[in-house]
Amino acid sequence: MNNKNFITELSQRSHFSQDDTQRMVFTLIDAMNEKFQEGEAVTFPGFGSFEVKKRLERIIVNPATQQRMLVPPKLVLNFKPIAAIKEKLKNGGN
């Protein structure tokens, strides 16, 4: 589902105009982005949580050349769905 389809479906379900819905979605994303920049987790009850985690530096090996390389530490965004969603996906969406 692309952005246009998502906004259209969300506006139909919420009975708001597409412009208002798009503004709400962008405002939500901007607010989440600010919290991620501050290192805070964002939780949606009934859906799951997003949090920023620090991935430590590590050594990898290039399989073609067998050359070892150091990958620097970085921040990654992690999503953890609630157990009900995990179970539903595990069962094929049923």
C-alpha atoms as a PDB file:
ATOM      1  CA  MET A   1       0.000   0.000   0.000  1.00  0.00           C
ATOM      2  CA  ASN A   2       1.491   3.327  -0.974  1.00  0.00           C
ATOM      3  CA  ASN A   3       1.002   6.697   0.725  1.00  0.00           C
ATOM      4  CA  LYS A   4      -1.880   7.800  -1.523  1.00  0.00           C
ATOM      5  CA  ASN A   5      -3.849   4.585  -0.955  1.00  0.00           C
ATOM      6  CA  PHE A   6      -3.198   4.751   2.788  1.00  0.00           C
ATOM      7  CA  ILE A   7      -4.398   8.358   3.056  1.00  0.00           C
ATOM      8  CA  THR A   8      -7.491   7.578   0.964  1.00  0.00           C
ATOM      9  CA  GLU A   9      -8.486   4.587   3.083  1.00  0.00           C
ATOM     10  CA  LEU A  10      -7.754   6.378   6.343  1.00  0.00           C
ATOM     11  CA  SER A  11      -9.819   9.410   5.292  1.00  0.00           C
ATOM     12  CA  GLN A  12     -12.749   7.173   4.350  1.00  0.00           C
ATOM     13  CA  ARG A  13     -12.619   5.351   7.687  1.00  0.00           C
ATOM     14  CA  SER A  14     -12.274   8.542   9.749  1.00  0.00           C
ATOM     15  CA  HIS A  15     -14.706  10.649   7.658  1.00  0.00           C
ATOM     16  CA  PHE A  16     -12.161  13.480   7.390  1.00  0.00           C
ATOM     17  CA  SER A  17     -11.084  15.078   4.128  1.00  0.00           C
ATOM     18  CA  GLN A  18      -7.981  13.675   2.456  1.00  0.00           C
ATOM     19  CA  ASP A  19      -6.113  16.951   3.074  1.00  0.00           C
ATOM     20  CA  ASP A  20      -6.918  16.870   6.788  1.00  0.00           C
ATOM     21  CA  THR A  21      -5.997  13.196   7.006  1.00  0.00           C
ATOM     22  CA  GLN A  22      -2.696  13.758   5.231  1.00  0.00           C
ATOM     23  CA  ARG A  23      -1.897  16.660   7.564  1.00  0.00           C
ATOM     24  CA  MET A  24      -2.666  14.463  10.596  1.00  0.00           C
ATOM     25  CA  VAL A  25      -0.458  11.636   9.335  1.00  0.00           C
ATOM     26  CA  PHE A  26       2.455  13.992   8.600  1.00  0.00           C
ATOM     27  CA  THR A  27       2.030  15.647  12.012  1.00  0.00           C
ATOM     28  CA  LEU A  28       2.101  12.227  13.680  1.00  0.00           C
ATOM     29  CA  ILE A  29       5.244  11.237  11.772  1.00  0.00           C
ATOM     30  CA  ASP A  30       6.953  14.537  12.626  1.00  0.00           C
ATOM     31  CA  ALA A  31       6.127  14.124  16.322  1.00  0.00           C
ATOM     32  CA  MET A  32       7.432  10.534  16.294  1.00  0.00           C
ATOM     33  CA  ASN A  33      10.595  11.688  14.542  1.00  0.00           C
ATOM     34  CA  GLU A  34      11.223  14.304  17.258  1.00  0.00           C
ATOM     35  CA  LYS A  35      10.856  11.664  19.988  1.00  0.00           C
ATOM     36  CA  PHE A  36      13.249   9.324  18.147  1.00  0.00           C
ATOM     37  CA  GLN A  37      15.799  12.145  17.907  1.00  0.00           C
ATOM     38  CA  GLU A  38      15.509  12.531  21.700  1.00  0.00           C
ATOM     39  CA  GLY A  39      16.048   8.773  22.122  1.00  0.00           C
ATOM     40  CA  GLU A  40      12.551   8.141  23.476  1.00  0.00           C
ATOM     41  CA  ALA A  41      10.334   5.169  22.633  1.00  0.00           C
ATOM     42  CA  VAL A  42       6.899   5.661  21.052  1.00  0.00           C
ATOM     43  CA  THR A  43       4.179   3.179  22.051  1.00  0.00           C
ATOM     44  CA  PHE A  44       0.797   2.634  20.420  1.00  0.00           C
ATOM     45  CA  PRO A  45      -1.511   0.597  22.682  1.00  0.00           C
ATOM     46  CA  GLY A  46      -3.018  -2.304  20.755  1.00  0.00           C
ATOM     47  CA  PHE A  47      -0.318  -2.101  18.063  1.00  0.00           C
ATOM     48  CA  GLY A  48       3.254  -2.069  19.354  1.00  0.00           C
ATOM     49  CA  SER A  49       6.213   0.118  20.165  1.00  0.00           C
ATOM     50  CA  PHE A  50       9.019   1.818  18.278  1.00  0.00           C
ATOM     51  CA  GLU A  51      12.335   2.476  19.966  1.00  0.00           C
ATOM     52  CA  VAL A  52      15.801   3.637  19.015  1.00  0.00           C
ATOM     53  CA  LYS A  53      18.523   1.139  19.847  1.00  0.00           C
ATOM     54  CA  LYS A  54      22.264   1.465  19.617  1.00  0.00           C
ATOM     55  CA  ARG A  55      23.947  -1.199  17.523  1.00  0.00           C
ATOM     56  CA  LEU A  56      27.480  -1.795  18.760  1.00  0.00           C
ATOM     57  CA  GLU A  57      30.488  -1.744  16.490  1.00  0.00           C
ATOM     58  CA  ARG A  58      31.296  -5.135  15.011  1.00  0.00           C
ATOM     59  CA  ILE A  59      33.681  -6.889  12.681  1.00  0.00           C
ATOM     60  CA  ILE A  60      32.370  -8.385   9.464  1.00  0.00           C
ATOM     61  CA  VAL A  61      34.092 -10.530   6.855  1.00  0.00           C
ATOM     62  CA  ASN A  62      33.677  -9.934   3.133  1.00  0.00           C
ATOM     63  CA  PRO A  63      32.887 -13.428   1.784  1.00  0.00           C
ATOM     64  CA  ALA A  64      34.500 -12.743  -1.606  1.00  0.00           C
ATOM     65  CA  THR A  65      37.848 -11.416  -0.371  1.00  0.00           C
ATOM     66  CA  GLN A  66      37.868 -12.716   3.229  1.00  0.00           C
ATOM     67  CA  GLN A  67      38.849  -9.177   4.246  1.00  0.00           C
ATOM     68  CA  ARG A  68      37.780  -8.178   7.744  1.00  0.00           C
ATOM     69  CA  MET A  69      36.129  -4.776   8.161  1.00  0.00           C
ATOM     70  CA  LEU A  70      35.026  -2.794  11.180  1.00  0.00           C
ATOM     71  CA  VAL A  71      31.431  -1.548  11.072  1.00  0.00           C
ATOM     72  CA  PRO A  72      31.055   1.523  13.322  1.00  0.00           C
ATOM     73  CA  PRO A  73      28.297   1.771  15.952  1.00  0.00           C
ATOM     74  CA  LYS A  74      25.008   3.261  14.824  1.00  0.00           C
ATOM     75  CA  LEU A  75      21.466   3.943  15.955  1.00  0.00           C
ATOM     76  CA  VAL A  76      18.663   1.812  14.482  1.00  0.00           C
ATOM     77  CA  LEU A  77      14.896   2.034  14.774  1.00  0.00           C
ATOM     78  CA  ASN A  78      13.278  -1.096  16.172  1.00  0.00           C
ATOM     79  CA  PHE A  79       9.580  -2.065  16.125  1.00  0.00           C
ATOM     80  CA  LYS A  80       8.093  -4.595  18.509  1.00  0.00           C
ATOM     81  CA  PRO A  81       4.473  -5.563  17.798  1.00  0.00           C
ATOM     82  CA  ILE A  82       2.114  -6.686  20.562  1.00  0.00           C
ATOM     83  CA  ALA A  83       1.759 -10.417  21.120  1.00  0.00           C
ATOM     84  CA  ALA A  84      -1.691 -10.591  19.469  1.00  0.00           C
ATOM     85  CA  ILE A  85      -0.330  -9.194  16.191  1.00  0.00           C
ATOM     86  CA  LYS A  86       2.677 -11.547  16.312  1.00  0.00           C
ATOM     87  CA  GLU A  87       0.371 -14.512  16.816  1.00  0.00           C
ATOM     88  CA  LYS A  88      -1.960 -13.426  14.021  1.00  0.00           C
ATOM     89  CA  LEU A  89       0.945 -13.060  11.576  1.00  0.00           C
ATOM     90  CA  LYS A  90       2.406 -16.387  12.652  1.00  0.00           C
ATOM     91  CA  ASN A  91      -0.915 -18.058  11.812  1.00  0.00           C
ATOM     92  CA  GLY A  92      -1.029 -16.524   8.326  1.00  0.00           C
ATOM     93  CA  GLY A  93      -3.301 -13.604   9.188  1.00  0.00           C
ATOM     94  CA  ASN A  94      -6.200 -15.721  10.429  1.00  0.00           C
END
